[in-house]
N, C-alpha and C. Protein backbone atom coordinates (compact mmCIF):
# COMPACT_ATOMS: atom_id res chain seq x y z
N UNK A 1 18.00 5.89 11.60
CA UNK A 1 17.02 6.07 10.60
C UNK A 1 17.60 7.72 10.35
N UNK A 2 17.31 8.07 8.97
CA UNK A 2 17.86 9.17 8.25
C UNK A 2 16.52 10.65 9.39
N UNK A 3 16.67 11.71 9.33
CA UNK A 3 15.77 12.58 9.20
C UNK A 3 15.45 13.26 8.01
N UNK A 4 14.17 13.13 7.35
CA UNK A 4 13.99 13.83 6.03
C UNK A 4 12.94 14.98 6.11
N UNK A 5 13.19 16.27 5.29
CA UNK A 5 12.38 17.90 5.63
C UNK A 5 11.40 17.40 4.66
N UNK A 6 11.14 16.58 3.36
CA UNK A 6 10.31 15.88 2.56
C UNK A 6 9.22 15.21 2.92
N UNK A 7 8.48 14.95 2.65
CA UNK A 7 7.40 14.18 2.62
C UNK A 7 6.25 13.66 1.53
N UNK A 8 6.30 14.49 0.35
CA UNK A 8 5.31 14.06 -0.65
C UNK A 8 6.12 13.35 -1.35
N UNK A 9 6.38 11.98 -1.65
CA UNK A 9 6.48 11.73 -2.80
C UNK A 9 6.44 11.81 -4.38
N UNK A 10 5.43 13.16 -4.18
CA UNK A 10 5.12 13.95 -5.73
C UNK A 10 6.19 14.96 -6.13
N UNK A 11 7.22 15.28 -4.87
CA UNK A 11 7.61 15.73 -5.44
C UNK A 11 9.69 15.45 -5.21
N UNK A 12 10.49 15.87 -6.29
CA UNK A 12 11.66 15.35 -6.34
C UNK A 12 12.58 15.46 -5.16
N UNK A 13 12.06 16.42 -4.35
CA UNK A 13 13.26 16.64 -2.84
C UNK A 13 13.08 15.31 -2.16
N UNK A 14 12.12 14.71 -2.28
CA UNK A 14 11.48 13.55 -1.32
C UNK A 14 12.77 13.11 -1.51
N UNK A 15 12.59 12.36 -2.94
CA UNK A 15 13.61 10.90 -3.36
C UNK A 15 15.20 11.44 -3.55
N UNK A 16 15.28 12.67 -3.78
CA UNK A 16 16.74 13.29 -3.63
C UNK A 16 17.41 13.08 -2.00
N UNK A 17 16.57 13.49 -1.60
CA UNK A 17 16.78 13.20 0.25
C UNK A 17 17.33 12.17 0.28
N UNK A 18 16.18 10.79 0.11
CA UNK A 18 16.42 9.44 0.04
C UNK A 18 18.07 8.96 -0.54
N UNK A 19 17.58 9.22 -1.32
CA UNK A 19 19.34 9.17 -2.51
C UNK A 19 20.64 9.46 -1.76
N UNK A 20 20.39 10.79 -1.33
CA UNK A 20 21.31 11.58 -1.12
C UNK A 20 22.22 10.79 -0.28
N UNK A 21 21.10 10.41 1.41
CA UNK A 21 21.55 10.00 2.18
C UNK A 21 21.70 8.64 2.38
N UNK A 22 21.35 7.82 1.02
CA UNK A 22 21.70 6.63 0.63
C UNK A 22 20.75 5.66 1.69
N UNK A 23 19.06 6.20 1.86
CA UNK A 23 18.02 5.33 2.54
C UNK A 23 17.70 4.78 1.42
N UNK A 24 17.81 3.72 0.66
CA UNK A 24 17.12 3.29 -0.71
C UNK A 24 16.43 1.61 -0.46
N UNK A 25 15.73 1.43 0.91
CA UNK A 25 15.12 0.11 0.55
C UNK A 25 15.01 -0.44 -0.12
N UNK A 26 14.33 0.41 -0.90
CA UNK A 26 14.06 -1.02 -2.34
C UNK A 26 14.65 -1.36 -3.26
N UNK A 27 16.42 -1.43 -2.95
CA UNK A 27 17.11 -1.31 -3.96
C UNK A 27 17.81 -2.83 -3.45
N UNK A 28 17.72 -3.54 -4.63
CA UNK A 28 18.09 -5.11 -4.47
C UNK A 28 19.56 -5.22 -4.76
N UNK A 29 20.53 -4.42 -5.52
CA UNK A 29 21.74 -4.63 -5.11
C UNK A 29 22.22 -5.01 -6.60
N UNK A 30 21.16 -5.24 -7.72
CA UNK A 30 21.45 -6.43 -8.88
C UNK A 30 20.24 -6.45 -9.36
N UNK A 31 20.28 -7.44 -10.01
CA UNK A 31 19.26 -7.84 -11.19
C UNK A 31 17.90 -8.72 -10.79
N UNK A 32 17.02 -8.21 -10.73
CA UNK A 32 16.14 -9.63 -10.21
C UNK A 32 16.23 -11.08 -11.37
N UNK A 33 15.64 -11.53 -10.55
CA UNK A 33 16.00 -12.90 -11.49
C UNK A 33 14.80 -13.33 -12.45
N UNK A 34 13.58 -12.71 -12.06
CA UNK A 34 12.79 -12.67 -13.02
C UNK A 34 12.70 -11.86 -14.10
N UNK A 35 13.72 -10.60 -14.33
CA UNK A 35 13.91 -10.50 -15.07
C UNK A 35 14.99 -10.73 -15.96
N UNK A 36 16.07 -11.45 -15.67
CA UNK A 36 17.29 -12.07 -16.20
C UNK A 36 16.82 -13.35 -16.92
N UNK A 37 15.52 -14.24 -16.40
CA UNK A 37 14.86 -14.89 -16.73
C UNK A 37 13.90 -14.65 -18.49
N UNK A 38 13.41 -13.59 -17.98
CA UNK A 38 12.50 -12.96 -18.93
C UNK A 38 13.85 -12.18 -20.37
N UNK A 39 14.38 -12.25 -20.11
CA UNK A 39 15.54 -11.31 -21.07
C UNK A 39 16.14 -12.75 -21.97
N UNK A 40 16.25 -13.82 -21.18
CA UNK A 40 16.93 -15.01 -21.73
C UNK A 40 15.90 -15.43 -22.88
N UNK A 41 14.99 -15.58 -22.09
CA UNK A 41 13.41 -16.13 -23.17
C UNK A 41 13.08 -15.31 -24.12
N UNK A 42 13.45 -13.75 -24.56
CA UNK A 42 13.00 -12.98 -25.52
C UNK A 42 13.23 -13.33 -26.38
N UNK A 43 12.47 -13.42 -27.64
CA UNK A 43 13.15 -13.41 -28.55
C UNK A 43 14.17 -12.64 -29.72
N UNK A 44 14.06 -11.11 -29.34
CA UNK A 44 14.90 -9.96 -29.52
C UNK A 44 15.18 -9.19 -28.81
N UNK A 45 16.31 -8.30 -28.94
CA UNK A 45 16.55 -6.93 -28.15
C UNK A 45 15.03 -5.85 -28.27
N UNK A 46 14.46 -5.41 -26.97
CA UNK A 46 13.21 -4.62 -27.34
C UNK A 46 13.90 -2.91 -27.15
N UNK A 47 12.71 -2.25 -27.22
CA UNK A 47 13.05 -0.73 -26.90
C UNK A 47 12.59 -0.83 -25.62
N UNK A 48 13.20 -0.50 -24.54
CA UNK A 48 12.65 -0.42 -23.36
C UNK A 48 12.56 0.69 -22.28
N UNK A 49 11.61 1.29 -21.33
CA UNK A 49 11.36 2.48 -21.00
C UNK A 49 11.33 1.56 -19.36
N UNK A 50 12.25 2.03 -18.55
CA UNK A 50 12.22 2.01 -17.07
C UNK A 50 12.30 3.42 -16.64
N UNK A 51 10.88 4.06 -15.93
CA UNK A 51 10.46 4.78 -15.00
C UNK A 51 11.08 4.37 -13.53
N UNK A 52 11.54 5.89 -13.04
CA UNK A 52 11.80 5.31 -11.97
C UNK A 52 13.21 4.89 -11.96
N UNK A 53 14.75 5.63 -12.41
CA UNK A 53 15.83 4.67 -12.10
C UNK A 53 16.71 3.78 -11.68
N UNK A 54 16.12 4.30 -10.23
CA UNK A 54 17.08 3.60 -9.28
C UNK A 54 18.26 3.97 -9.40
N UNK A 55 18.86 3.09 -8.77
CA UNK A 55 20.73 2.82 -9.33
C UNK A 55 20.93 2.35 -10.42
N UNK A 56 19.84 1.85 -11.45
CA UNK A 56 20.52 1.58 -12.76
C UNK A 56 20.93 0.49 -13.30
N UNK A 57 20.56 -0.90 -11.81
CA UNK A 57 21.15 -2.13 -12.24
C UNK A 57 21.03 -2.57 -13.70
N UNK A 58 19.33 -2.20 -13.84
CA UNK A 58 18.83 -3.62 -14.57
C UNK A 58 18.58 -2.58 -15.88
N UNK A 59 19.12 -1.50 -16.46
CA UNK A 59 19.28 -0.31 -17.30
C UNK A 59 20.96 -1.15 -17.67
N UNK A 60 21.64 -1.45 -16.81
CA UNK A 60 22.88 -1.71 -17.65
C UNK A 60 22.75 -3.06 -17.80
N UNK A 61 21.92 -4.36 -17.20
CA UNK A 61 21.83 -5.27 -17.55
C UNK A 61 21.54 -5.23 -19.06
N UNK A 62 20.27 -4.42 -19.14
CA UNK A 62 19.67 -4.52 -20.49
C UNK A 62 20.39 -4.19 -21.47
N UNK A 63 21.33 -2.75 -21.27
CA UNK A 63 22.22 -2.43 -22.16
C UNK A 63 22.85 -3.40 -22.41
N UNK A 64 23.60 -4.06 -21.37
CA UNK A 64 25.12 -5.18 -22.24
C UNK A 64 24.04 -6.41 -22.49
N UNK A 65 22.61 -6.11 -23.29
CA UNK A 65 22.14 -7.61 -23.46
C UNK A 65 21.63 -6.98 -24.95
N UNK A 66 22.28 -5.65 -25.09
CA UNK A 66 21.93 -5.79 -26.73
C UNK A 66 20.42 -4.73 -26.61
N UNK A 67 19.74 -4.30 -25.57
CA UNK A 67 18.77 -3.68 -25.93
C UNK A 67 18.82 -2.04 -25.93
N UNK A 68 17.73 -1.74 -26.34
CA UNK A 68 17.89 -0.42 -26.20
C UNK A 68 17.21 0.45 -25.12
N UNK A 69 17.37 0.51 -24.02
CA UNK A 69 16.92 0.94 -22.79
C UNK A 69 17.26 2.21 -22.80
N UNK A 70 16.03 2.86 -21.72
CA UNK A 70 16.08 4.06 -21.60
C UNK A 70 15.56 4.50 -19.83
N UNK A 71 16.55 5.03 -18.63
CA UNK A 71 15.85 4.79 -17.20
C UNK A 71 15.63 6.05 -17.19
N UNK A 72 14.17 6.69 -17.13
CA UNK A 72 13.94 8.26 -16.47
C UNK A 72 13.88 8.17 -14.95
N UNK A 73 13.92 9.56 -14.42
CA UNK A 73 13.54 9.87 -12.85
C UNK A 73 13.79 11.25 -12.79
N UNK A 74 12.51 11.84 -12.39
CA UNK A 74 12.33 13.29 -12.35
C UNK A 74 13.84 13.79 -10.83
N UNK A 75 14.20 12.49 -10.24
CA UNK A 75 15.43 13.55 -9.27
C UNK A 75 16.10 13.24 -9.96
N UNK A 76 17.32 15.01 -9.59
CA UNK A 76 18.65 15.16 -10.43
C UNK A 76 19.23 14.15 -9.07
N UNK A 77 18.85 13.99 -7.86
CA UNK A 77 20.02 12.80 -7.23
C UNK A 77 19.96 11.61 -7.81
N UNK A 78 18.45 11.07 -7.60
CA UNK A 78 18.95 9.87 -8.86
C UNK A 78 19.48 9.52 -10.01
N UNK A 79 19.01 10.33 -10.90
CA UNK A 79 19.77 10.54 -11.82
C UNK A 79 20.82 10.16 -11.53
N UNK A 80 21.94 11.22 -11.15
CA UNK A 80 23.62 11.78 -10.89
C UNK A 80 23.50 10.16 -10.39
N UNK A 81 22.98 9.60 -9.27
CA UNK A 81 24.04 7.90 -9.14
C UNK A 81 23.70 7.18 -10.05
N UNK A 82 23.01 7.11 -10.30
CA UNK A 82 22.57 6.04 -11.90
C UNK A 82 23.30 5.94 -12.34
N UNK A 83 23.87 7.33 -13.27
CA UNK A 83 24.96 7.74 -14.05
C UNK A 83 26.17 7.41 -14.01
N UNK A 84 26.49 7.79 -12.78
CA UNK A 84 27.56 7.12 -12.16
C UNK A 84 27.91 5.60 -12.18
N UNK A 85 26.83 5.14 -12.13
CA UNK A 85 26.96 3.12 -11.70
C UNK A 85 26.47 2.61 -12.73
N UNK A 86 26.23 3.01 -14.19
CA UNK A 86 25.85 2.52 -15.21
C UNK A 86 27.18 2.60 -15.90
N UNK A 87 27.94 2.99 -15.62
CA UNK A 87 29.52 3.34 -17.19
C UNK A 87 29.12 4.03 -18.06
N UNK A 88 29.47 2.98 -19.09
CA UNK A 88 28.97 3.70 -20.48
C UNK A 88 27.94 3.73 -20.36
N UNK A 89 26.74 3.21 -20.29
CA UNK A 89 25.39 4.02 -20.70
C UNK A 89 24.72 4.91 -20.00
N UNK A 90 25.83 5.85 -19.25
CA UNK A 90 25.45 6.94 -18.54
C UNK A 90 24.09 7.76 -19.40
N UNK A 91 24.18 7.83 -21.04
CA UNK A 91 23.29 8.67 -21.87
C UNK A 91 22.32 8.12 -21.88
N UNK A 92 21.83 6.87 -21.46
CA UNK A 92 20.64 6.49 -21.14
C UNK A 92 19.51 6.78 -19.96
N UNK A 93 20.37 7.61 -19.09
CA UNK A 93 19.57 7.89 -18.02
C UNK A 93 19.25 9.30 -18.14
N UNK A 94 18.09 9.61 -17.81
CA UNK A 94 17.23 10.38 -18.69
C UNK A 94 16.87 11.51 -17.31
N UNK A 95 16.74 12.80 -16.82
CA UNK A 95 15.85 13.85 -16.00
C UNK A 95 14.65 13.97 -16.57
N UNK A 96 13.33 13.44 -16.49
CA UNK A 96 12.41 13.57 -16.83
C UNK A 96 11.07 13.03 -15.92
N UNK A 97 10.40 13.78 -16.25
CA UNK A 97 8.82 14.13 -15.77
C UNK A 97 8.28 12.47 -16.85
N UNK A 98 7.69 11.14 -16.12
CA UNK A 98 7.46 10.28 -16.85
C UNK A 98 6.20 10.44 -17.88
N UNK A 99 5.13 11.70 -16.63
CA UNK A 99 4.08 11.84 -17.56
C UNK A 99 3.97 12.85 -18.78
N UNK A 100 5.64 13.16 -18.96
CA UNK A 100 5.65 14.52 -20.09
C UNK A 100 6.67 13.83 -20.91
N UNK A 101 7.28 12.95 -20.13
CA UNK A 101 8.83 12.52 -21.29
C UNK A 101 8.16 11.28 -22.79
N UNK A 102 8.36 11.61 -23.64
CA UNK A 102 8.48 10.65 -25.13
C UNK A 102 9.62 10.37 -25.90
N UNK A 103 8.74 9.48 -25.98
CA UNK A 103 10.02 8.05 -26.93
C UNK A 103 10.38 8.79 -28.47
N UNK A 104 11.43 8.15 -28.82
CA UNK A 104 11.69 8.83 -29.50
C UNK A 104 11.78 8.01 -31.05
N UNK A 105 11.21 6.79 -30.16
CA UNK A 105 10.90 6.10 -31.31
C UNK A 105 10.06 4.67 -30.44
N UNK A 106 8.95 4.11 -31.36
CA UNK A 106 8.19 3.38 -30.42
C UNK A 106 8.69 2.21 -28.99
N UNK A 107 8.22 2.04 -28.08
CA UNK A 107 8.70 1.40 -26.98
C UNK A 107 7.93 -0.37 -27.27
N UNK A 108 8.75 -1.35 -27.16
CA UNK A 108 8.44 -2.51 -27.00
C UNK A 108 8.01 -2.99 -24.99
N UNK A 109 9.08 -2.18 -24.49
CA UNK A 109 8.46 -2.99 -23.32
C UNK A 109 8.01 -1.46 -22.71
N UNK A 110 7.93 -1.33 -21.49
CA UNK A 110 7.74 -0.74 -19.97
C UNK A 110 8.21 -1.62 -18.93
N UNK A 111 9.40 -1.43 -18.08
CA UNK A 111 9.82 -2.37 -17.35
C UNK A 111 9.13 -1.67 -16.34
N UNK A 112 8.37 -2.18 -15.19
CA UNK A 112 8.27 -1.89 -13.70
C UNK A 112 8.76 -2.26 -12.53
N UNK A 113 9.52 -1.14 -12.04
CA UNK A 113 9.69 -1.98 -10.62
C UNK A 113 10.05 -1.37 -9.69
N UNK A 114 9.42 -1.20 -8.54
CA UNK A 114 8.69 -0.09 -7.65
C UNK A 114 8.53 1.42 -8.33
N UNK A 115 8.12 1.47 -9.23
CA UNK A 115 7.73 2.86 -9.73
C UNK A 115 5.90 3.16 -9.30
N UNK A 116 5.41 2.36 -9.65
CA UNK A 116 3.78 2.32 -9.23
C UNK A 116 3.43 2.61 -7.55
N UNK A 117 3.72 1.77 -7.05
CA UNK A 117 4.37 1.65 -5.53
C UNK A 117 4.22 2.77 -4.87
N UNK A 118 5.42 3.53 -5.62
CA UNK A 118 6.10 4.69 -4.57
C UNK A 118 5.59 5.91 -5.10
N UNK A 119 4.11 5.74 -5.46
CA UNK A 119 3.71 7.06 -5.89
C UNK A 119 2.28 7.02 -5.08
N UNK A 120 1.41 7.83 -4.52
CA UNK A 120 0.05 7.86 -3.60
C UNK A 120 -0.74 7.04 -4.55
N UNK A 121 -1.44 6.62 -3.84
CA UNK A 121 -2.49 5.55 -4.66
C UNK A 121 -3.32 6.68 -5.30
N UNK A 122 -3.38 7.46 -4.77
CA UNK A 122 -4.49 8.50 -6.25
C UNK A 122 -3.86 8.74 -7.51
N UNK A 123 -2.75 8.30 -7.44
CA UNK A 123 -1.95 8.94 -8.92
C UNK A 123 -2.02 7.28 -10.25
N UNK A 124 -2.78 6.54 -8.94
CA UNK A 124 -3.05 4.94 -9.87
C UNK A 124 -3.37 4.93 -11.41
N UNK A 125 -4.67 6.05 -11.47
CA UNK A 125 -5.27 5.88 -12.81
C UNK A 125 -4.55 6.44 -13.82
N UNK A 126 -3.82 7.79 -13.21
CA UNK A 126 -2.93 8.39 -14.45
C UNK A 126 -1.28 7.36 -14.99
N UNK A 127 -1.18 6.82 -13.61
CA UNK A 127 -0.16 6.42 -14.13
C UNK A 127 0.25 5.09 -14.91
N UNK A 128 -1.77 4.05 -14.66
CA UNK A 128 -1.88 2.83 -16.03
C UNK A 128 -2.22 3.46 -17.08
N UNK A 129 -2.74 4.98 -17.36
CA UNK A 129 -2.99 5.32 -18.27
C UNK A 129 -1.84 5.66 -19.00
N UNK A 130 -1.07 5.98 -18.50
CA UNK A 130 0.40 6.58 -18.97
C UNK A 130 0.76 5.49 -19.58
N UNK A 131 1.06 4.22 -18.82
CA UNK A 131 1.52 3.26 -20.02
C UNK A 131 0.88 2.89 -21.23
N UNK A 132 -0.34 3.22 -20.99
CA UNK A 132 -1.73 2.72 -21.99
C UNK A 132 -1.26 3.48 -23.32
N UNK A 133 -1.09 4.65 -22.61
CA UNK A 133 -0.36 5.78 -23.94
C UNK A 133 0.98 5.68 -24.60
N UNK A 134 1.89 5.12 -23.89
CA UNK A 134 3.16 4.77 -23.97
C UNK A 134 3.27 3.50 -25.08
N UNK A 135 2.84 2.60 -24.86
CA UNK A 135 2.78 1.66 -25.74
C UNK A 135 1.76 1.32 -26.78
N UNK A 136 2.32 0.99 -28.10
CA UNK A 136 0.74 0.37 -29.06
C UNK A 136 0.49 -0.77 -29.17
N UNK A 137 -0.39 -1.37 -29.12
CA UNK A 137 -0.79 -2.58 -29.17
C UNK A 137 -0.09 -3.79 -29.59
N UNK A 138 0.40 -4.60 -28.58
CA UNK A 138 1.41 -5.58 -28.30
C UNK A 138 2.32 -5.55 -27.64
N UNK A 139 2.62 -3.99 -26.99
CA UNK A 139 3.66 -3.68 -26.52
C UNK A 139 3.28 -4.38 -25.25
N UNK A 140 4.34 -4.47 -23.87
CA UNK A 140 4.49 -5.06 -23.01
C UNK A 140 4.83 -4.63 -21.83
N UNK A 141 4.14 -4.28 -20.59
CA UNK A 141 4.31 -4.23 -19.85
C UNK A 141 4.29 -4.90 -18.52
N UNK A 142 5.89 -5.38 -18.21
CA UNK A 142 6.48 -6.34 -17.58
C UNK A 142 7.35 -5.69 -16.53
N UNK A 143 6.98 -6.74 -15.34
CA UNK A 143 7.84 -6.42 -13.90
C UNK A 143 7.10 -6.75 -12.61
N UNK A 144 7.68 -5.94 -11.72
CA UNK A 144 6.72 -6.45 -10.65
C UNK A 144 5.96 -5.63 -10.34
N UNK A 145 4.91 -6.09 -9.44
CA UNK A 145 3.58 -5.63 -8.77
C UNK A 145 3.30 -5.92 -7.01
N UNK A 146 3.72 -4.89 -6.68
CA UNK A 146 3.58 -4.98 -4.76
C UNK A 146 1.85 -5.12 -4.49
N UNK A 147 1.82 -6.09 -3.62
CA UNK A 147 0.57 -6.22 -3.33
C UNK A 147 0.70 -5.91 -2.22
N UNK A 148 -0.37 -5.20 -1.32
CA UNK A 148 -0.61 -4.77 -0.45
C UNK A 148 -1.59 -4.19 0.51
N UNK A 149 -1.70 -3.87 1.70
CA UNK A 149 -2.77 -3.00 2.16
C UNK A 149 -2.44 -1.61 3.59
N UNK A 150 -0.95 -1.99 3.33
CA UNK A 150 -0.87 -0.65 4.82
C UNK A 150 -1.10 0.75 4.08
N UNK A 151 -1.73 1.51 5.02
CA UNK A 151 -2.23 2.58 4.35
C UNK A 151 -0.47 3.37 4.17
N UNK A 152 0.09 3.44 4.89
CA UNK A 152 1.40 4.45 4.57
C UNK A 152 2.35 3.75 3.83
N UNK A 153 3.17 5.09 3.60
CA UNK A 153 3.96 4.35 2.46
C UNK A 153 4.78 5.35 1.74
N UNK A 154 5.62 5.43 1.00
CA UNK A 154 5.94 4.53 -0.07
C UNK A 154 6.79 3.26 0.77
N UNK A 155 6.89 2.28 0.42
CA UNK A 155 6.00 1.79 -0.60
C UNK A 155 4.44 1.53 -0.25
N UNK A 156 3.57 1.90 -1.59
CA UNK A 156 1.94 1.84 -1.13
C UNK A 156 1.55 0.60 -2.12
N UNK A 157 0.96 -0.68 -1.78
CA UNK A 157 0.51 -1.64 -2.28
C UNK A 157 -0.67 -1.13 -2.62
N UNK A 158 -1.07 -2.24 -3.65
CA UNK A 158 -2.31 -2.02 -4.44
C UNK A 158 -3.03 -3.45 -4.68
N UNK A 159 -4.32 -3.89 -4.12
CA UNK A 159 -4.85 -4.55 -3.96
C UNK A 159 -4.91 -5.14 -5.89
N UNK A 160 -5.31 -7.15 -5.53
CA UNK A 160 -5.13 -6.94 -7.14
C UNK A 160 -6.53 -6.84 -7.97
N UNK A 161 -7.48 -6.95 -7.49
CA UNK A 161 -8.71 -6.29 -8.14
C UNK A 161 -8.18 -5.18 -8.68
N UNK A 162 -7.87 -4.32 -8.07
CA UNK A 162 -7.74 -2.78 -8.07
C UNK A 162 -6.68 -2.61 -9.91
N UNK A 163 -5.60 -2.94 -9.06
CA UNK A 163 -4.78 -3.26 -10.51
C UNK A 163 -5.45 -3.92 -11.45
N UNK A 164 -5.90 -4.47 -11.12
CA UNK A 164 -6.59 -5.53 -12.52
C UNK A 164 -7.97 -4.16 -13.49
N UNK A 165 -8.27 -3.93 -12.32
CA UNK A 165 -9.63 -2.49 -13.04
C UNK A 165 -8.95 -1.78 -13.74
N UNK A 166 -7.75 -0.89 -13.06
CA UNK A 166 -6.87 0.08 -14.01
C UNK A 166 -6.22 -0.52 -15.41
N UNK A 167 -5.83 -2.17 -15.43
CA UNK A 167 -4.66 -2.35 -16.40
C UNK A 167 -5.79 -3.11 -17.82
N UNK A 168 -6.77 -3.97 -16.91
CA UNK A 168 -7.51 -4.75 -17.81
C UNK A 168 -7.99 -3.98 -19.30
N UNK A 169 -8.98 -2.82 -19.16
CA UNK A 169 -9.29 -2.17 -20.25
C UNK A 169 -7.63 -1.97 -21.30
N UNK A 170 -7.15 -1.99 -21.11
CA UNK A 170 -6.06 -1.57 -22.15
C UNK A 170 -4.82 -3.05 -21.87
N UNK A 171 -5.09 -3.51 -21.12
CA UNK A 171 -4.20 -5.18 -20.71
C UNK A 171 -4.71 -6.08 -21.04
N UNK A 172 -3.94 -7.49 -21.57
CA UNK A 172 -4.34 -8.57 -20.78
C UNK A 172 -2.79 -8.88 -20.48
N UNK A 173 -2.94 -9.71 -19.26
CA UNK A 173 -2.16 -10.59 -18.04
C UNK A 173 -2.03 -12.10 -18.71
N UNK A 174 -0.39 -12.28 -19.69
CA UNK A 174 0.12 -12.92 -20.23
C UNK A 174 1.40 -13.85 -19.56
N UNK A 175 1.41 -13.60 -18.43
CA UNK A 175 2.39 -13.93 -17.51
C UNK A 175 2.61 -13.97 -15.99
N UNK A 176 2.26 -14.83 -15.61
CA UNK A 176 2.62 -14.46 -13.42
C UNK A 176 3.88 -15.29 -12.92
N UNK A 177 4.52 -15.08 -12.24
CA UNK A 177 4.86 -16.08 -11.72
C UNK A 177 5.18 -15.46 -10.33
N UNK A 178 6.20 -16.17 -9.63
CA UNK A 178 6.59 -15.67 -7.93
C UNK A 178 7.85 -15.16 -8.14
N UNK A 179 8.11 -14.21 -6.75
CA UNK A 179 9.54 -13.55 -6.80
C UNK A 179 9.91 -14.34 -5.26
N UNK A 180 11.14 -14.35 -6.46
CA UNK A 180 12.21 -15.52 -5.47
C UNK A 180 13.37 -14.71 -4.51
N UNK A 181 13.22 -13.30 -4.56
CA UNK A 181 14.32 -13.17 -4.32
C UNK A 181 13.91 -11.09 -3.89
N UNK A 182 12.52 -11.42 -3.35
CA UNK A 182 11.42 -10.18 -2.26
C UNK A 182 12.86 -9.39 -1.80
N UNK A 183 12.84 -7.76 -1.80
CA UNK A 183 13.04 -7.61 -0.38
C UNK A 183 12.53 -7.70 0.70
N UNK A 184 13.02 -6.74 2.06
CA UNK A 184 12.07 -7.27 3.06
C UNK A 184 10.98 -6.34 2.92
N UNK A 185 11.08 -4.97 2.55
CA UNK A 185 10.02 -3.50 2.00
C UNK A 185 8.80 -4.45 1.62
N UNK A 186 9.42 -5.58 0.69
CA UNK A 186 8.23 -5.44 0.07
C UNK A 186 7.60 -7.04 0.89
N UNK A 187 7.70 -7.39 1.69
CA UNK A 187 7.69 -9.02 2.42
C UNK A 187 7.05 -9.89 1.97
N UNK A 188 7.19 -10.33 0.22
CA UNK A 188 6.63 -10.95 -0.12
C UNK A 188 5.50 -10.74 -0.94
N UNK A 189 4.98 -9.63 -0.97
CA UNK A 189 4.12 -9.73 -1.31
C UNK A 189 3.99 -9.01 -2.94
N UNK A 190 4.99 -9.26 -3.61
CA UNK A 190 5.03 -8.98 -4.91
C UNK A 190 4.80 -10.42 -5.74
N UNK A 191 4.15 -9.58 -6.93
CA UNK A 191 3.91 -11.05 -8.31
C UNK A 191 4.96 -10.38 -9.34
N UNK A 192 5.84 -11.19 -10.39
CA UNK A 192 6.23 -10.83 -11.16
C UNK A 192 4.50 -10.72 -12.51
N UNK A 193 4.88 -9.84 -12.97
CA UNK A 193 3.65 -9.90 -14.45
C UNK A 193 4.09 -9.30 -15.61
N UNK A 194 3.62 -9.94 -16.55
CA UNK A 194 3.37 -9.34 -17.93
C UNK A 194 2.34 -9.33 -18.46
N UNK A 195 2.17 -7.89 -18.89
CA UNK A 195 0.77 -7.54 -19.21
C UNK A 195 1.24 -7.01 -20.88
N UNK A 196 0.24 -7.48 -22.04
CA UNK A 196 0.29 -7.43 -23.37
C UNK A 196 -0.61 -6.16 -23.68
N UNK A 197 -0.25 -4.86 -24.35
CA UNK A 197 -0.97 -3.69 -24.69
C UNK A 197 -2.36 -4.40 -25.53
N UNK A 198 -3.38 -4.47 -25.62
CA UNK A 198 -4.57 -4.97 -26.23
C UNK A 198 -4.44 -4.07 -27.84
């Protein structure tokens, strides 16, 4: 187990250390099946934001499919790593703060993959409000939501009722399914969900 100096996931240094030491147990090593299926049945390419870029697998997949995807992260180490891995799409990986970043064009979709659960529970109202702020009516919040009650994290699980409390004022749930390729760190406690902005 690596030794880390930073214990605060609200600081970029926390994530820098983990990427630099290759301690990334939330990394699937590829594109989740539910996202592949979602893209296959979607009617047209979309403009997408991926908060928390990870290794950029999904960014590369979406861009290769003709979608206009941007991945952001406030960790310089994460951004540097993703840019190396996404090849020709490196300009689509941006070092930015999710709460300050602005899209140059309207977003059709925000892709959620281990971003909400990476931040302390006290941040949930701000994260979910920002989702709503960035998406116009009809826009989609799609991805994986980690349900759990363990007090330590990240990942920080959320109760389903709490997630609904935060999202339902602005979103309606339009799709839900099981996740067939969950990682051990999520312990089969995640769900694929698509929420539409009201």
